[in-house]
Amino acid sequence: MTIPPAQPIRGCGVGLVYTVYWLLSSAVAQTLESTFAAIGEAATFGLYGVVTALALGFAWACVPETRGVALEAVGRPMPPGSRATE
């Protein structure tokens, strides 16, 4: 789903996403070689894989589905019985 550029919240959302992306990319870049040296390449990628799987599980369990929902409705509380409110 694309968000029309006229929505005022779009700029803040895009800025937040890029900020988080750059912070996490910087953390990976700063720790990758030292982690290779400390625990090895296979264990490093295994560790990053586990962290990614945990993040995916969190997103699946805690972030509600917004496909087909108007942007104005996303800010409202989720209805009882939705996956995010269970």
Protein backbone atom coordinates (compact mmCIF):
# COMPACT_ATOMS: atom_id res chain seq x y z
CA MET A 1 0.00 0.00 0.00
CA THR A 2 1.35 3.42 -0.86
CA ILE A 3 0.53 6.41 1.28
CA PRO A 4 -0.45 9.50 -0.69
CA PRO A 5 2.09 12.32 -0.33
CA ALA A 6 -0.59 14.74 0.88
CA GLN A 7 -0.90 12.99 4.23
CA PRO A 8 0.82 15.08 6.95
CA ILE A 9 2.00 12.05 8.93
CA ARG A 10 3.90 10.56 5.98
CA GLY A 11 6.99 12.76 6.40
CA CYS A 12 7.36 11.93 10.08
CA GLY A 13 6.90 8.22 9.41
CA VAL A 14 9.47 8.14 6.62
CA GLY A 15 11.93 10.12 8.75
CA LEU A 16 11.49 7.73 11.68
CA VAL A 17 11.95 4.66 9.48
CA TYR A 18 15.14 6.00 7.91
CA THR A 19 16.54 7.03 11.30
CA VAL A 20 15.99 3.56 12.74
CA TYR A 21 17.42 1.96 9.59
CA TRP A 22 20.62 4.02 9.72
CA LEU A 23 21.07 3.48 13.46
CA LEU A 24 20.73 -0.29 13.12
CA SER A 25 22.93 -0.40 10.03
CA SER A 26 25.57 1.54 11.92
CA ALA A 27 25.36 -0.88 14.84
CA VAL A 28 25.87 -3.84 12.50
CA ALA A 29 28.79 -2.13 10.73
CA GLN A 30 30.48 -1.31 14.05
CA THR A 31 30.11 -4.77 15.55
CA LEU A 32 30.44 -7.14 12.59
CA GLU A 33 34.22 -7.60 12.47
CA SER A 34 34.71 -7.76 16.23
CA THR A 35 31.91 -10.31 16.49
CA PHE A 36 33.53 -12.36 13.72
CA ALA A 37 36.74 -12.39 15.73
CA ALA A 38 35.01 -13.21 19.00
CA ILE A 39 32.58 -15.98 18.04
CA GLY A 40 33.27 -16.79 14.37
CA GLU A 41 31.47 -16.07 11.13
CA ALA A 42 28.84 -18.83 11.33
CA ALA A 43 27.87 -17.94 14.90
CA THR A 44 27.71 -14.23 14.01
CA PHE A 45 25.29 -14.82 11.17
CA GLY A 46 23.36 -17.23 13.37
CA LEU A 47 23.09 -14.53 16.03
CA TYR A 48 21.89 -11.97 13.48
CA GLY A 49 19.41 -14.55 12.16
CA VAL A 50 18.00 -15.17 15.64
CA VAL A 51 17.61 -11.42 16.24
CA THR A 52 15.84 -11.09 12.89
CA ALA A 53 13.51 -14.00 13.71
CA LEU A 54 12.67 -12.41 17.07
CA ALA A 55 11.91 -9.10 15.36
CA LEU A 56 9.69 -10.87 12.84
CA GLY A 57 7.85 -12.67 15.63
CA PHE A 58 7.35 -9.39 17.48
CA ALA A 59 5.99 -7.70 14.36
CA TRP A 60 3.64 -10.60 13.63
CA ALA A 61 2.33 -10.74 17.22
CA CYS A 62 2.15 -7.05 18.11
CA VAL A 63 1.74 -4.98 14.94
CA PRO A 64 -1.82 -4.99 13.59
CA GLU A 65 -2.59 -5.59 9.91
CA THR A 66 -3.43 -2.32 8.16
CA ARG A 67 -3.94 -3.53 4.57
CA GLY A 68 -7.09 -1.91 3.19
CA VAL A 69 -7.44 0.46 6.15
CA ALA A 70 -7.52 4.21 5.53
CA LEU A 71 -4.57 6.14 6.99
CA GLU A 72 -6.93 8.17 9.16
CA ALA A 73 -8.29 4.96 10.70
CA VAL A 74 -4.83 3.58 11.52
CA GLY A 75 -4.39 6.08 14.36
CA ARG A 76 -7.62 5.04 16.06
CA PRO A 77 -7.62 2.31 18.73
CA MET A 78 -7.90 -1.21 17.35
CA PRO A 79 -11.29 -2.89 17.77
CA PRO A 80 -11.67 -5.55 20.47
CA GLY A 81 -10.78 -8.99 19.15
CA SER A 82 -8.15 -7.77 16.68
CA ARG A 83 -4.81 -9.56 16.85
CA ALA A 84 -3.05 -6.53 18.38
CA THR A 85 -5.53 -6.19 21.28
CA GLU A 86 -5.72 -9.85 22.28
